[in-house]
Amino acid sequence: PEEVETHRQWLANYTGYKLPSKDTYETELMQMK
């Protein structure tokens, strides 16, 4: 999971968009696994 978060940030910088805040990924929907 830590590598996934690192690559998520790298892909945002490479593509040219800004990642949403971390609160977006802490919702109940995003935590389902």
PDB file of all heavy atoms in Angstrom:
ATOM      1  N   PRO A   1       0.813  -1.234   0.000  1.00  0.00           N
ATOM      2  CA  PRO A   1       0.000   0.000   0.000  1.00  0.00           C
ATOM      3  C   PRO A   1       0.836   1.271   0.000  1.00  0.00           C
ATOM      4  O   PRO A   1       0.438   2.280  -0.612  1.00  0.00           O
ATOM      5  CB  PRO A   1      -0.833  -0.127   1.279  1.00  0.00           C
ATOM      6  CG  PRO A   1      -0.883  -1.594   1.560  1.00  0.00           C
ATOM      7  CD  PRO A   1       0.422  -2.135   1.091  1.00  0.00           C
ATOM      8  N   GLU A   2       1.976   1.269   0.681  1.00  0.00           N
ATOM      9  CA  GLU A   2       2.818   2.468   0.686  1.00  0.00           C
ATOM     10  C   GLU A   2       3.397   2.730  -0.709  1.00  0.00           C
ATOM     11  O   GLU A   2       3.473   3.892  -1.146  1.00  0.00           O
ATOM     12  CB  GLU A   2       3.943   2.296   1.703  1.00  0.00           C
ATOM     13  CG  GLU A   2       3.452   2.187   3.143  1.00  0.00           C
ATOM     14  CD  GLU A   2       4.599   2.077   4.120  1.00  0.00           C
ATOM     15  OE1 GLU A   2       5.774   2.055   3.655  1.00  0.00           O
ATOM     16  OE2 GLU A   2       4.338   2.021   5.343  1.00  0.00           O
ATOM     17  N   GLU A   3       3.777   1.677  -1.427  1.00  0.00           N
ATOM     18  CA  GLU A   3       4.258   1.864  -2.793  1.00  0.00           C
ATOM     19  C   GLU A   3       3.144   2.336  -3.717  1.00  0.00           C
ATOM     20  O   GLU A   3       3.378   3.134  -4.640  1.00  0.00           O
ATOM     21  CB  GLU A   3       4.853   0.560  -3.320  1.00  0.00           C
ATOM     22  CG  GLU A   3       6.127   0.131  -2.610  1.00  0.00           C
ATOM     23  CD  GLU A   3       6.730  -1.091  -3.250  1.00  0.00           C
ATOM     24  OE1 GLU A   3       6.226  -1.516  -4.310  1.00  0.00           O
ATOM     25  OE2 GLU A   3       7.710  -1.632  -2.685  1.00  0.00           O
ATOM     26  N   VAL A   4       1.938   1.861  -3.493  1.00  0.00           N
ATOM     27  CA  VAL A   4       0.799   2.320  -4.302  1.00  0.00           C
ATOM     28  C   VAL A   4       0.580   3.814  -4.118  1.00  0.00           C
ATOM     29  O   VAL A   4       0.353   4.555  -5.082  1.00  0.00           O
ATOM     30  CB  VAL A   4      -0.470   1.519  -3.936  1.00  0.00           C
ATOM     31  CG1 VAL A   4      -1.699   2.113  -4.609  1.00  0.00           C
ATOM     32  CG2 VAL A   4      -0.316   0.062  -4.350  1.00  0.00           C
ATOM     33  N   GLU A   5       0.670   4.283  -2.880  1.00  0.00           N
ATOM     34  CA  GLU A   5       0.499   5.716  -2.628  1.00  0.00           C
ATOM     35  C   GLU A   5       1.615   6.527  -3.276  1.00  0.00           C
ATOM     36  O   GLU A   5       1.375   7.616  -3.827  1.00  0.00           O
ATOM     37  CB  GLU A   5       0.472   5.956  -1.113  1.00  0.00           C
ATOM     38  CG  GLU A   5       0.117   7.374  -0.710  1.00  0.00           C
ATOM     39  CD  GLU A   5      -1.278   7.757  -1.146  1.00  0.00           C
ATOM     40  OE1 GLU A   5      -2.154   6.870  -1.181  1.00  0.00           O
ATOM     41  OE2 GLU A   5      -1.497   8.947  -1.451  1.00  0.00           O
ATOM     42  N   THR A   6       2.832   6.000  -3.251  1.00  0.00           N
ATOM     43  CA  THR A   6       3.945   6.695  -3.898  1.00  0.00           C
ATOM     44  C   THR A   6       3.747   6.775  -5.406  1.00  0.00           C
ATOM     45  O   THR A   6       3.958   7.834  -6.028  1.00  0.00           O
ATOM     46  CB  THR A   6       5.267   5.976  -3.572  1.00  0.00           C
ATOM     47  OG1 THR A   6       5.438   5.922  -2.150  1.00  0.00           O
ATOM     48  CG2 THR A   6       6.441   6.709  -4.204  1.00  0.00           C
ATOM     49  N   HIS A   7       3.350   5.694  -6.025  1.00  0.00           N
ATOM     50  CA  HIS A   7       3.122   5.699  -7.472  1.00  0.00           C
ATOM     51  C   HIS A   7       1.902   6.531  -7.853  1.00  0.00           C
ATOM     52  O   HIS A   7       1.858   7.093  -8.958  1.00  0.00           O
ATOM     53  CB  HIS A   7       2.954   4.262  -7.970  1.00  0.00           C
ATOM     54  CG  HIS A   7       4.245   3.519  -8.108  1.00  0.00           C
ATOM     55  ND1 HIS A   7       4.893   2.942  -7.036  1.00  0.00           N
ATOM     56  CD2 HIS A   7       5.023   3.260  -9.193  1.00  0.00           C
ATOM     57  CE1 HIS A   7       6.002   2.355  -7.447  1.00  0.00           C
ATOM     58  NE2 HIS A   7       6.104   2.528  -8.746  1.00  0.00           N
ATOM     59  N   ARG A   8       0.932   6.632  -6.955  1.00  0.00           N
ATOM     60  CA  ARG A   8      -0.220   7.484  -7.233  1.00  0.00           C
ATOM     61  C   ARG A   8       0.219   8.951  -7.314  1.00  0.00           C
ATOM     62  O   ARG A   8      -0.206   9.691  -8.208  1.00  0.00           O
ATOM     63  CB  ARG A   8      -1.281   7.295  -6.148  1.00  0.00           C
ATOM     64  CG  ARG A   8      -2.542   8.097  -6.418  1.00  0.00           C
ATOM     65  CD  ARG A   8      -3.555   7.957  -5.310  1.00  0.00           C
ATOM     66  NE  ARG A   8      -4.149   6.619  -5.314  1.00  0.00           N
ATOM     67  CZ  ARG A   8      -4.022   5.749  -4.324  1.00  0.00           C
ATOM     68  NH1 ARG A   8      -3.325   6.078  -3.245  1.00  0.00           N
ATOM     69  NH2 ARG A   8      -4.585   4.566  -4.395  1.00  0.00           N
ATOM     70  N   GLN A   9       1.081   9.340  -6.406  1.00  0.00           N
ATOM     71  CA  GLN A   9       1.597  10.716  -6.438  1.00  0.00           C
ATOM     72  C   GLN A   9       2.491  10.940  -7.649  1.00  0.00           C
ATOM     73  O   GLN A   9       2.439  11.989  -8.294  1.00  0.00           O
ATOM     74  CB  GLN A   9       2.356  11.002  -5.140  1.00  0.00           C
ATOM     75  CG  GLN A   9       2.823  12.439  -4.993  1.00  0.00           C
ATOM     76  CD  GLN A   9       1.666  13.411  -4.912  1.00  0.00           C
ATOM     77  OE1 GLN A   9       0.721  13.202  -4.162  1.00  0.00           O
ATOM     78  NE2 GLN A   9       1.734  14.494  -5.686  1.00  0.00           N
ATOM     79  N   TRP A  10       3.307   9.935  -7.984  1.00  0.00           N
ATOM     80  CA  TRP A  10       4.187  10.074  -9.147  1.00  0.00           C
ATOM     81  C   TRP A  10       3.382  10.195 -10.442  1.00  0.00           C
ATOM     82  O   TRP A  10       3.713  11.000 -11.320  1.00  0.00           O
ATOM     83  CB  TRP A  10       5.108   8.867  -9.225  1.00  0.00           C
ATOM     84  CG  TRP A  10       6.021   8.896 -10.425  1.00  0.00           C
ATOM     85  CD1 TRP A  10       7.255   9.471 -10.504  1.00  0.00           C
ATOM     86  CD2 TRP A  10       5.748   8.353 -11.723  1.00  0.00           C
ATOM     87  NE1 TRP A  10       7.776   9.318 -11.765  1.00  0.00           N
ATOM     88  CE2 TRP A  10       6.869   8.627 -12.532  1.00  0.00           C
ATOM     89  CE3 TRP A  10       4.681   7.667 -12.264  1.00  0.00           C
ATOM     90  CZ2 TRP A  10       6.928   8.242 -13.874  1.00  0.00           C
ATOM     91  CZ3 TRP A  10       4.733   7.284 -13.599  1.00  0.00           C
ATOM     92  CH2 TRP A  10       5.847   7.562 -14.386  1.00  0.00           C
ATOM     93  N   LEU A  11       2.318   9.420 -10.573  1.00  0.00           N
ATOM     94  CA  LEU A  11       1.500   9.481 -11.790  1.00  0.00           C
ATOM     95  C   LEU A  11       0.798  10.822 -11.902  1.00  0.00           C
ATOM     96  O   LEU A  11       0.650  11.361 -13.009  1.00  0.00           O
ATOM     97  CB  LEU A  11       0.474   8.341 -11.773  1.00  0.00           C
ATOM     98  CG  LEU A  11      -0.400   8.208 -13.020  1.00  0.00           C
ATOM     99  CD1 LEU A  11       0.444   7.949 -14.265  1.00  0.00           C
ATOM    100  CD2 LEU A  11      -1.426   7.091 -12.838  1.00  0.00           C
ATOM    101  N   ALA A  12       0.385  11.410 -10.774  1.00  0.00           N
ATOM    102  CA  ALA A  12      -0.253  12.735 -10.811  1.00  0.00           C
ATOM    103  C   ALA A  12       0.741  13.792 -11.265  1.00  0.00           C
ATOM    104  O   ALA A  12       0.404  14.670 -12.077  1.00  0.00           O
ATOM    105  CB  ALA A  12      -0.822  13.067  -9.432  1.00  0.00           C
ATOM    106  N   ASN A  13       1.973  13.736 -10.773  1.00  0.00           N
ATOM    107  CA  ASN A  13       2.977  14.706 -11.207  1.00  0.00           C
ATOM    108  C   ASN A  13       3.357  14.504 -12.672  1.00  0.00           C
ATOM    109  O   ASN A  13       3.586  15.467 -13.403  1.00  0.00           O
ATOM    110  CB  ASN A  13       4.219  14.584 -10.319  1.00  0.00           C
ATOM    111  CG  ASN A  13       3.922  14.908  -8.863  1.00  0.00           C
ATOM    112  OD1 ASN A  13       2.979  15.644  -8.562  1.00  0.00           O
ATOM    113  ND2 ASN A  13       4.709  14.360  -7.950  1.00  0.00           N
ATOM    114  N   TYR A  14       3.414  13.245 -13.098  1.00  0.00           N
ATOM    115  CA  TYR A  14       3.811  12.958 -14.481  1.00  0.00           C
ATOM    116  C   TYR A  14       2.732  13.371 -15.466  1.00  0.00           C
ATOM    117  O   TYR A  14       3.020  13.900 -16.556  1.00  0.00           O
ATOM    118  CB  TYR A  14       4.116  11.471 -14.622  1.00  0.00           C
ATOM    119  CG  TYR A  14       4.525  11.054 -16.003  1.00  0.00           C
ATOM    120  CD1 TYR A  14       5.823  11.260 -16.469  1.00  0.00           C
ATOM    121  CD2 TYR A  14       3.613  10.437 -16.862  1.00  0.00           C
ATOM    122  CE1 TYR A  14       6.195  10.891 -17.739  1.00  0.00           C
ATOM    123  CE2 TYR A  14       3.982  10.063 -18.133  1.00  0.00           C
ATOM    124  CZ  TYR A  14       5.270  10.285 -18.572  1.00  0.00           C
ATOM    125  OH  TYR A  14       5.627   9.901 -19.848  1.00  0.00           O
ATOM    126  N   THR A  15       1.475  13.152 -15.098  1.00  0.00           N
ATOM    127  CA  THR A  15       0.371  13.463 -16.010  1.00  0.00           C
ATOM    128  C   THR A  15      -0.024  14.926 -15.936  1.00  0.00           C
ATOM    129  O   THR A  15      -0.558  15.475 -16.906  1.00  0.00           O
ATOM    130  CB  THR A  15      -0.844  12.563 -15.683  1.00  0.00           C
ATOM    131  OG1 THR A  15      -0.407  11.211 -15.566  1.00  0.00           O
ATOM    132  CG2 THR A  15      -1.894  12.632 -16.770  1.00  0.00           C
ATOM    133  N   GLY A  16       0.195  15.572 -14.802  1.00  0.00           N
ATOM    134  CA  GLY A  16      -0.093  16.999 -14.702  1.00  0.00           C
ATOM    135  C   GLY A  16      -1.415  17.324 -14.049  1.00  0.00           C
ATOM    136  O   GLY A  16      -2.095  18.255 -14.475  1.00  0.00           O
ATOM    137  N   TYR A  17      -1.801  16.605 -13.030  1.00  0.00           N
ATOM    138  CA  TYR A  17      -3.010  16.947 -12.291  1.00  0.00           C
ATOM    139  C   TYR A  17      -2.697  16.853 -10.805  1.00  0.00           C
ATOM    140  O   TYR A  17      -1.703  16.251 -10.391  1.00  0.00           O
ATOM    141  CB  TYR A  17      -4.192  16.042 -12.664  1.00  0.00           C
ATOM    142  CG  TYR A  17      -3.991  14.584 -12.340  1.00  0.00           C
ATOM    143  CD1 TYR A  17      -4.326  14.055 -11.094  1.00  0.00           C
ATOM    144  CD2 TYR A  17      -3.479  13.706 -13.289  1.00  0.00           C
ATOM    145  CE1 TYR A  17      -4.141  12.731 -10.799  1.00  0.00           C
ATOM    146  CE2 TYR A  17      -3.288  12.371 -13.007  1.00  0.00           C
ATOM    147  CZ  TYR A  17      -3.626  11.883 -11.754  1.00  0.00           C
ATOM    148  OH  TYR A  17      -3.433  10.561 -11.467  1.00  0.00           O
ATOM    149  N   LYS A  18      -3.573  17.440 -10.010  1.00  0.00           N
ATOM    150  CA  LYS A  18      -3.375  17.479  -8.576  1.00  0.00           C
ATOM    151  C   LYS A  18      -4.273  16.434  -7.923  1.00  0.00           C
ATOM    152  O   LYS A  18      -5.477  16.367  -8.193  1.00  0.00           O
ATOM    153  CB  LYS A  18      -3.700  18.866  -8.026  1.00  0.00           C
ATOM    154  CG  LYS A  18      -3.415  19.009  -6.537  1.00  0.00           C
ATOM    155  CD  LYS A  18      -3.728  20.416  -6.048  1.00  0.00           C
ATOM    156  CE  LYS A  18      -3.457  20.553  -4.555  1.00  0.00           C
ATOM    157  NZ  LYS A  18      -3.771  21.922  -4.068  1.00  0.00           N
ATOM    158  N   LEU A  19      -3.676  15.619  -7.068  1.00  0.00           N
ATOM    159  CA  LEU A  19      -4.440  14.602  -6.362  1.00  0.00           C
ATOM    160  C   LEU A  19      -5.391  15.234  -5.355  1.00  0.00           C
ATOM    161  O   LEU A  19      -5.062  16.252  -4.727  1.00  0.00           O
ATOM    162  CB  LEU A  19      -3.508  13.645  -5.631  1.00  0.00           C
ATOM    163  CG  LEU A  19      -2.874  12.510  -6.441  1.00  0.00           C
ATOM    164  CD1 LEU A  19      -1.923  11.722  -5.549  1.00  0.00           C
ATOM    165  CD2 LEU A  19      -3.934  11.598  -7.012  1.00  0.00           C
ATOM    166  N   PRO A  20      -6.587  14.662  -5.204  1.00  0.00           N
ATOM    167  CA  PRO A  20      -7.486  15.153  -4.146  1.00  0.00           C
ATOM    168  C   PRO A  20      -6.885  14.915  -2.771  1.00  0.00           C
ATOM    169  O   PRO A  20      -5.896  14.204  -2.599  1.00  0.00           O
ATOM    170  CB  PRO A  20      -8.766  14.328  -4.370  1.00  0.00           C
ATOM    171  CG  PRO A  20      -8.676  13.818  -5.771  1.00  0.00           C
ATOM    172  CD  PRO A  20      -7.206  13.649  -6.044  1.00  0.00           C
ATOM    173  N   SER A  21      -7.488  15.520  -1.770  1.00  0.00           N
ATOM    174  CA  SER A  21      -6.987  15.393  -0.405  1.00  0.00           C
ATOM    175  C   SER A  21      -7.137  13.952   0.081  1.00  0.00           C
ATOM    176  O   SER A  21      -7.906  13.153  -0.463  1.00  0.00           O
ATOM    177  CB  SER A  21      -7.756  16.344   0.519  1.00  0.00           C
ATOM    178  OG  SER A  21      -9.135  16.017   0.522  1.00  0.00           O
ATOM    179  N   LYS A  22      -6.410  13.636   1.146  1.00  0.00           N
ATOM    180  CA  LYS A  22      -6.458  12.278   1.689  1.00  0.00           C
ATOM    181  C   LYS A  22      -7.807  11.941   2.294  1.00  0.00           C
ATOM    182  O   LYS A  22      -8.154  10.767   2.432  1.00  0.00           O
ATOM    183  CB  LYS A  22      -5.366  12.122   2.744  1.00  0.00           C
ATOM    184  CG  LYS A  22      -3.952  12.128   2.164  1.00  0.00           C
ATOM    185  CD  LYS A  22      -2.942  11.836   3.249  1.00  0.00           C
ATOM    186  CE  LYS A  22      -1.532  11.785   2.670  1.00  0.00           C
ATOM    187  NZ  LYS A  22      -0.511  11.488   3.711  1.00  0.00           N
ATOM    188  N   ASP A  23      -8.584  12.971   2.651  1.00  0.00           N
ATOM    189  CA  ASP A  23      -9.912  12.694   3.189  1.00  0.00           C
ATOM    190  C   ASP A  23     -10.793  12.002   2.158  1.00  0.00           C
ATOM    191  O   ASP A  23     -11.733  11.274   2.519  1.00  0.00           O
ATOM    192  CB  ASP A  23     -10.583  13.996   3.643  1.00  0.00           C
ATOM    193  CG  ASP A  23      -9.807  14.662   4.762  1.00  0.00           C
ATOM    194  OD1 ASP A  23      -9.047  13.935   5.451  1.00  0.00           O
ATOM    195  OD2 ASP A  23      -9.941  15.887   4.937  1.00  0.00           O
ATOM    196  N   THR A  24     -10.498  12.210   0.887  1.00  0.00           N
ATOM    197  CA  THR A  24     -11.284  11.567  -0.168  1.00  0.00           C
ATOM    198  C   THR A  24     -11.115  10.056  -0.135  1.00  0.00           C
ATOM    199  O   THR A  24     -12.064   9.305  -0.408  1.00  0.00           O
ATOM    200  CB  THR A  24     -10.847  12.112  -1.546  1.00  0.00           C
ATOM    201  OG1 THR A  24     -10.932  13.539  -1.535  1.00  0.00           O
ATOM    202  CG2 THR A  24     -11.735  11.567  -2.652  1.00  0.00           C
ATOM    203  N   TYR A  25      -9.922   9.581   0.193  1.00  0.00           N
ATOM    204  CA  TYR A  25      -9.660   8.142   0.206  1.00  0.00           C
ATOM    205  C   TYR A  25      -9.983   7.496   1.541  1.00  0.00           C
ATOM    206  O   TYR A  25      -9.857   6.280   1.666  1.00  0.00           O
ATOM    207  CB  TYR A  25      -8.187   7.891  -0.128  1.00  0.00           C
ATOM    208  CG  TYR A  25      -7.787   8.428  -1.470  1.00  0.00           C
ATOM    209  CD1 TYR A  25      -7.040   9.595  -1.567  1.00  0.00           C
ATOM    210  CD2 TYR A  25      -8.148   7.778  -2.636  1.00  0.00           C
ATOM    211  CE1 TYR A  25      -6.665  10.098  -2.799  1.00  0.00           C
ATOM    212  CE2 TYR A  25      -7.787   8.273  -3.870  1.00  0.00           C
ATOM    213  CZ  TYR A  25      -7.041   9.434  -3.951  1.00  0.00           C
ATOM    214  OH  TYR A  25      -6.686   9.936  -5.167  1.00  0.00           O
ATOM    215  N   GLU A  26     -10.381   8.300   2.522  1.00  0.00           N
ATOM    216  CA  GLU A  26     -10.696   7.742   3.835  1.00  0.00           C
ATOM    217  C   GLU A  26     -12.186   7.554   4.051  1.00  0.00           C
ATOM    218  O   GLU A  26     -12.623   7.281   5.165  1.00  0.00           O
ATOM    219  CB  GLU A  26     -10.121   8.660   4.930  1.00  0.00           C
ATOM    220  CG  GLU A  26      -8.597   8.691   4.939  1.00  0.00           C
ATOM    221  CD  GLU A  26      -8.045   9.619   5.993  1.00  0.00           C
ATOM    222  OE1 GLU A  26      -8.873  10.280   6.668  1.00  0.00           O
ATOM    223  OE2 GLU A  26      -6.821   9.697   6.149  1.00  0.00           O
ATOM    224  N   THR A  27     -12.974   7.692   3.002  1.00  0.00           N
ATOM    225  CA  THR A  27     -14.408   7.463   3.117  1.00  0.00           C
ATOM    226  C   THR A  27     -14.690   5.961   3.214  1.00  0.00           C
ATOM    227  O   THR A  27     -13.832   5.117   2.938  1.00  0.00           O
ATOM    228  CB  THR A  27     -15.140   8.046   1.906  1.00  0.00           C
ATOM    229  OG1 THR A  27     -14.644   7.423   0.710  1.00  0.00           O
ATOM    230  CG2 THR A  27     -14.910   9.553   1.811  1.00  0.00           C
ATOM    231  N   GLU A  28     -15.919   5.639   3.619  1.00  0.00           N
ATOM    232  CA  GLU A  28     -16.288   4.231   3.792  1.00  0.00           C
ATOM    233  C   GLU A  28     -16.233   3.483   2.463  1.00  0.00           C
ATOM    234  O   GLU A  28     -15.846   2.305   2.415  1.00  0.00           O
ATOM    235  CB  GLU A  28     -17.696   4.146   4.388  1.00  0.00           C
ATOM    236  CG  GLU A  28     -18.153   2.719   4.664  1.00  0.00           C
ATOM    237  CD  GLU A  28     -19.537   2.686   5.281  1.00  0.00           C
ATOM    238  OE1 GLU A  28     -20.095   3.775   5.521  1.00  0.00           O
ATOM    239  OE2 GLU A  28     -20.049   1.563   5.504  1.00  0.00           O
ATOM    240  N   LEU A  29     -16.609   4.155   1.372  1.00  0.00           N
ATOM    241  CA  LEU A  29     -16.581   3.512   0.061  1.00  0.00           C
ATOM    242  C   LEU A  29     -15.162   3.143  -0.344  1.00  0.00           C
ATOM    243  O   LEU A  29     -14.905   2.022  -0.818  1.00  0.00           O
ATOM    244  CB  LEU A  29     -17.211   4.438  -0.984  1.00  0.00           C
ATOM    245  CG  LEU A  29     -17.113   3.979  -2.446  1.00  0.00           C
ATOM    246  CD1 LEU A  29     -17.861   2.673  -2.645  1.00  0.00           C
ATOM    247  CD2 LEU A  29     -17.651   5.057  -3.378  1.00  0.00           C
ATOM    248  N   MET A  30     -14.225   4.054  -0.173  1.00  0.00           N
ATOM    249  CA  MET A  30     -12.858   3.804  -0.597  1.00  0.00           C
ATOM    250  C   MET A  30     -12.130   2.825   0.318  1.00  0.00           C
ATOM    251  O   MET A  30     -11.143   2.211  -0.092  1.00  0.00           O
ATOM    252  CB  MET A  30     -12.082   5.130  -0.666  1.00  0.00           C
ATOM    253  CG  MET A  30     -12.659   6.114  -1.676  1.00  0.00           C
ATOM    254  SD  MET A  30     -12.706   5.419  -3.335  1.00  0.00           S
ATOM    255  CE  MET A  30     -13.663   6.672  -4.197  1.00  0.00           C
ATOM    256  N   GLN A  31     -12.621   2.673   1.558  1.00  0.00           N
ATOM    257  CA  GLN A  31     -11.967   1.755   2.481  1.00  0.00           C
ATOM    258  C   GLN A  31     -12.425   0.314   2.306  1.00  0.00           C
ATOM    259  O   GLN A  31     -11.821  -0.598   2.876  1.00  0.00           O
ATOM    260  CB  GLN A  31     -12.229   2.209   3.927  1.00  0.00           C
ATOM    261  CG  GLN A  31     -11.578   3.535   4.282  1.00  0.00           C
ATOM    262  CD  GLN A  31     -10.060   3.463   4.227  1.00  0.00           C
ATOM    263  OE1 GLN A  31      -9.456   2.447   4.539  1.00  0.00           O
ATOM    264  NE2 GLN A  31      -9.439   4.574   3.834  1.00  0.00           N
ATOM    265  N   MET A  32     -13.483   0.089   1.528  1.00  0.00           N
ATOM    266  CA  MET A  32     -13.968  -1.269   1.312  1.00  0.00           C
ATOM    267  C   MET A  32     -12.946  -2.066   0.510  1.00  0.00           C
ATOM    268  O   MET A  32     -12.421  -1.590  -0.497  1.00  0.00           O
ATOM    269  CB  MET A  32     -15.314  -1.244   0.578  1.00  0.00           C
ATOM    270  CG  MET A  32     -16.438  -0.621   1.371  1.00  0.00           C
ATOM    271  SD  MET A  32     -18.026  -0.649   0.510  1.00  0.00           S
ATOM    272  CE  MET A  32     -18.342  -2.409   0.456  1.00  0.00           C
ATOM    273  N   LYS A  33     -12.654  -3.271   0.989  1.00  0.00           N
ATOM    274  CA  LYS A  33     -11.608  -4.072   0.363  1.00  0.00           C
ATOM    275  C   LYS A  33     -11.884  -5.554   0.593  1.00  0.00           C
ATOM    276  O   LYS A  33     -12.424  -5.942   1.624  1.00  0.00           O
ATOM    277  CB  LYS A  33     -10.235  -3.698   0.956  1.00  0.00           C
ATOM    278  CG  LYS A  33      -9.056  -4.376   0.297  1.00  0.00           C
ATOM    279  CD  LYS A  33      -7.756  -3.953   0.941  1.00  0.00           C
ATOM    280  CE  LYS A  33      -6.565  -4.646   0.295  1.00  0.00           C
ATOM    281  NZ  LYS A  33      -5.282  -4.256   0.925  1.00  0.00           N
TER     282      LYS A  33
END
